[in-house]
Protein backbone atom coordinates (compact mmCIF):
# COMPACT_ATOMS: atom_id res chain seq x y z
CA MET A 1 -12.32 6.66 -44.97
CA GLN A 2 -15.87 5.76 -44.01
CA LYS A 3 -15.23 6.95 -40.44
CA ARG A 4 -13.98 10.32 -41.79
CA ASN A 5 -17.12 10.68 -43.94
CA ILE A 6 -19.32 9.95 -40.94
CA GLN A 7 -17.41 12.54 -38.91
CA LEU A 8 -17.82 15.15 -41.63
CA LEU A 9 -21.54 14.39 -41.97
CA ALA A 10 -21.99 14.66 -38.21
CA PHE A 11 -20.10 17.97 -38.21
CA ALA A 12 -22.30 19.28 -41.04
CA ALA A 13 -25.41 18.26 -39.10
CA LEU A 14 -24.03 20.02 -36.02
CA LEU A 15 -23.53 23.20 -38.06
CA LEU A 16 -27.10 23.01 -39.40
CA VAL A 17 -28.50 22.56 -35.89
CA ALA A 18 -26.36 25.43 -34.59
CA ALA A 19 -27.49 27.69 -37.46
CA GLY A 20 -31.14 26.89 -36.78
CA CYS A 21 -30.80 27.65 -33.07
CA LYS A 22 -29.45 31.20 -33.42
CA GLY A 23 -31.41 33.81 -31.54
CA LYS A 24 -32.74 36.99 -33.11
CA LYS A 25 -30.13 39.56 -34.02
CA LYS A 26 -30.42 43.21 -33.13
CA PRO A 27 -31.16 45.36 -36.19
CA SER A 28 -27.92 47.28 -35.63
CA ASP A 29 -25.92 44.02 -35.73
CA GLU A 30 -27.57 42.90 -38.96
CA ALA A 31 -26.71 46.20 -40.61
CA LYS A 32 -23.04 45.67 -39.77
CA ASN A 33 -23.12 41.97 -40.76
CA VAL A 34 -21.61 41.16 -37.39
CA ALA A 35 -22.81 38.48 -35.01
CA PRO A 36 -24.01 39.94 -31.70
CA LYS A 37 -21.33 39.80 -29.03
CA THR A 38 -21.97 38.18 -25.69
CA GLU A 39 -19.89 38.21 -22.54
CA GLU A 40 -19.31 34.48 -22.72
CA THR A 41 -19.08 32.18 -25.72
CA GLN A 42 -21.71 29.45 -25.63
CA PRO A 43 -20.16 25.98 -25.66
CA VAL A 44 -20.69 23.88 -28.76
CA PRO A 45 -22.27 20.50 -28.05
CA VAL A 46 -19.81 17.65 -28.25
CA THR A 47 -20.88 14.24 -29.40
CA GLU A 48 -18.98 11.02 -29.63
CA SER A 49 -19.75 10.72 -33.34
CA THR A 50 -18.12 14.05 -34.32
CA GLY A 51 -14.93 13.61 -32.34
CA PHE A 52 -14.92 17.35 -31.60
CA THR A 53 -13.96 18.57 -28.21
CA ASP A 54 -15.14 21.91 -26.96
CA HIS A 55 -12.24 24.37 -27.09
CA ALA A 56 -11.85 28.13 -26.98
CA LEU A 57 -11.66 28.59 -30.77
CA MET A 58 -15.09 27.09 -31.50
CA PHE A 59 -16.52 30.62 -31.40
CA LEU A 60 -14.96 31.10 -34.85
CA LEU A 61 -17.90 29.23 -36.40
CA GLU A 62 -20.09 32.19 -35.44
CA GLU A 63 -17.72 34.61 -37.20
CA GLU A 64 -18.47 33.34 -40.72
CA GLY A 65 -19.03 36.30 -43.04
CA THR A 66 -17.68 38.91 -40.64
CA TYR A 67 -14.54 40.97 -41.16
CA PRO A 68 -11.94 40.05 -38.51
CA LYS A 69 -10.69 43.51 -37.55
CA GLN A 70 -14.17 45.07 -37.64
CA SER A 71 -15.68 42.31 -35.50
CA GLY A 72 -12.80 42.30 -33.00
CA LEU A 73 -11.87 38.72 -33.86
CA LEU A 74 -8.14 39.49 -33.77
CA GLN A 75 -8.54 40.87 -30.24
CA ASN A 76 -10.13 37.69 -28.87
CA GLU A 77 -7.94 36.73 -25.88
CA GLU A 78 -7.49 33.05 -26.80
CA LEU A 79 -6.79 33.66 -30.48
CA LYS A 80 -4.51 36.63 -29.82
CA SER A 81 -2.45 34.78 -27.20
CA ARG A 82 -2.03 31.75 -29.46
CA LEU A 83 -1.00 33.99 -32.36
CA GLU A 84 1.54 35.73 -30.10
CA VAL A 85 3.07 32.38 -29.10
CA LEU A 86 3.02 31.07 -32.69
CA LEU A 87 4.32 34.21 -34.40
CA GLY A 88 6.52 35.77 -31.72
CA SER A 89 7.42 39.34 -32.72
CA GLU A 90 5.66 38.83 -36.07
CA ALA A 91 2.31 38.97 -34.19
CA ASP A 92 2.67 42.75 -33.81
CA SER A 93 3.21 43.08 -37.57
CA LEU A 94 0.11 41.00 -38.28
CA LEU A 95 -2.03 43.25 -36.08
CA THR A 96 -0.45 46.42 -37.49
CA PHE A 97 -0.68 45.52 -41.17
CA TRP A 98 -4.04 43.69 -41.13
CA ASN A 99 -5.89 46.59 -42.84
CA VAL A 100 -7.49 45.25 -46.01
CA GLU A 101 -9.24 42.00 -45.14
CA THR A 102 -11.43 39.23 -46.44
CA PRO A 103 -14.47 37.97 -44.56
CA VAL A 104 -14.12 34.84 -42.44
CA GLN A 105 -14.94 31.71 -44.44
CA VAL A 106 -15.83 28.29 -43.09
CA ALA A 107 -15.38 25.15 -45.17
CA GLU A 108 -15.69 21.73 -43.60
CA ASN A 109 -13.91 22.18 -40.28
CA THR A 110 -11.58 24.95 -41.44
CA ILE A 111 -11.66 28.70 -40.81
CA PHE A 112 -9.95 30.88 -43.44
CA THR A 113 -9.42 34.63 -43.65
CA SER A 114 -6.74 37.03 -44.82
CA GLY A 115 -5.51 40.56 -44.29
CA CYS A 116 -2.80 42.78 -45.66
CA GLN A 117 -1.26 46.23 -45.54
CA GLN A 118 -3.33 48.73 -47.49
CA HIS A 119 -1.74 49.54 -50.88
CA ASN A 120 1.12 47.11 -50.14
CA CYS A 121 -0.26 43.57 -49.92
CA PRO A 122 2.79 41.79 -51.40
CA ALA A 123 5.02 43.21 -48.66
CA HIS A 124 2.76 42.45 -45.69
CA GLN A 125 0.00 39.89 -46.25
CA TYR A 126 -1.31 37.20 -43.91
CA VAL A 127 -3.62 34.23 -44.29
CA LEU A 128 -5.05 32.80 -41.07
CA VAL A 129 -6.16 29.16 -41.13
CA VAL A 130 -7.71 27.39 -38.14
CA ASP A 131 -8.64 23.71 -38.18
CA LEU A 132 -11.34 23.35 -35.53
CA PHE A 133 -11.19 19.56 -35.58
CA GLN A 134 -7.46 19.53 -34.79
CA ASN A 135 -7.62 22.75 -32.70
CA SER A 136 -4.62 24.00 -34.65
CA ILE A 137 -3.56 27.28 -36.27
CA ASN A 138 -1.43 28.06 -39.33
CA VAL A 139 -0.48 31.57 -40.41
CA TYR A 140 0.88 32.24 -43.89
CA ALA A 141 3.00 35.42 -43.80
CA PHE A 142 3.91 36.83 -47.22
CA ARG A 143 6.96 39.12 -47.51
CA HIS A 144 7.31 40.20 -51.14
CA ASP A 145 8.13 36.88 -52.88
CA VAL A 146 8.90 34.88 -49.73
CA LEU A 147 6.31 32.90 -47.77
CA TYR A 148 6.74 32.00 -44.10
CA VAL A 149 4.31 29.35 -42.87
CA TYR A 150 3.90 29.36 -39.07
CA VAL A 151 2.39 26.11 -37.77
CA GLU A 152 1.35 24.99 -34.30
CA GLN A 153 1.43 21.31 -35.20
CA ASP A 154 1.63 20.55 -38.92
CA VAL A 155 0.72 22.33 -42.14
CA LEU A 156 -3.04 21.94 -42.23
CA PRO A 157 -4.72 20.42 -45.28
CA LEU A 158 -7.21 22.82 -46.83
CA PRO A 159 -10.52 22.05 -48.50
CA ALA A 160 -10.26 22.51 -52.29
CA THR A 161 -12.02 25.90 -52.40
CA LEU A 162 -9.79 27.39 -49.70
CA ASN A 163 -6.65 25.81 -51.16
CA GLN A 164 -7.46 27.43 -54.51
CA GLN A 165 -7.67 30.84 -52.80
CA LEU A 166 -4.34 30.28 -51.04
CA GLU A 167 -2.70 29.26 -54.31
CA THR A 168 -4.02 32.46 -55.93
CA VAL A 169 -2.49 34.57 -53.14
CA LYS A 170 0.82 32.69 -53.56
CA LYS A 171 0.78 33.25 -57.32
CA ASN A 172 -0.04 36.96 -56.94
CA ALA A 173 2.82 37.33 -54.45
CA GLY A 174 5.26 35.53 -56.75
CA VAL A 175 5.94 32.79 -54.21
CA THR A 176 7.63 29.59 -55.39
CA PRO A 177 8.13 26.34 -53.47
CA LYS A 178 11.81 27.28 -53.07
CA SER A 179 10.87 30.60 -51.43
CA THR A 180 8.63 28.98 -48.80
CA GLN A 181 9.85 28.44 -45.24
CA THR A 182 7.88 26.51 -42.60
CA ILE A 183 8.33 27.60 -38.98
CA ARG A 184 7.07 25.17 -36.36
CA LEU A 185 6.02 26.14 -32.86
């Protein structure tokens, strides 16, 4: 438990350092609330104390507060290819029906965002969860009152604030534990 606390503190310190090192944004980027895009994602420093390894999804930390479709997040090659492998044919539905969206949230080492079909969220709604520490993705796909949970490894534990949001989405969709199906990669 103490080792986990040390890891979380080190991760928090890493986030603070990264936030303090950001360059100036262009005025046009600030108006859109979108981080400036670069040709190549800058690697995140890796230290022995955090246990993090640099991987292609670390760029998601920079997406906090942006809207995934507007910022092009869902078109990122690494994320898109992993979603295609994880979801199979459902990946096309996610990209098609991801119209109304929430901004990307970061809590602890977890990325959380959602999107749904405009005027029809209960029929086509998705919640994307990425655990940067485990380098793992879960997608919650809501179909009326049925929930399909697509997991690369295991169902990821969520920080309390994000779990509360997921539970609200489940409740609004009328999902029960009996109507939930987990699909492993």
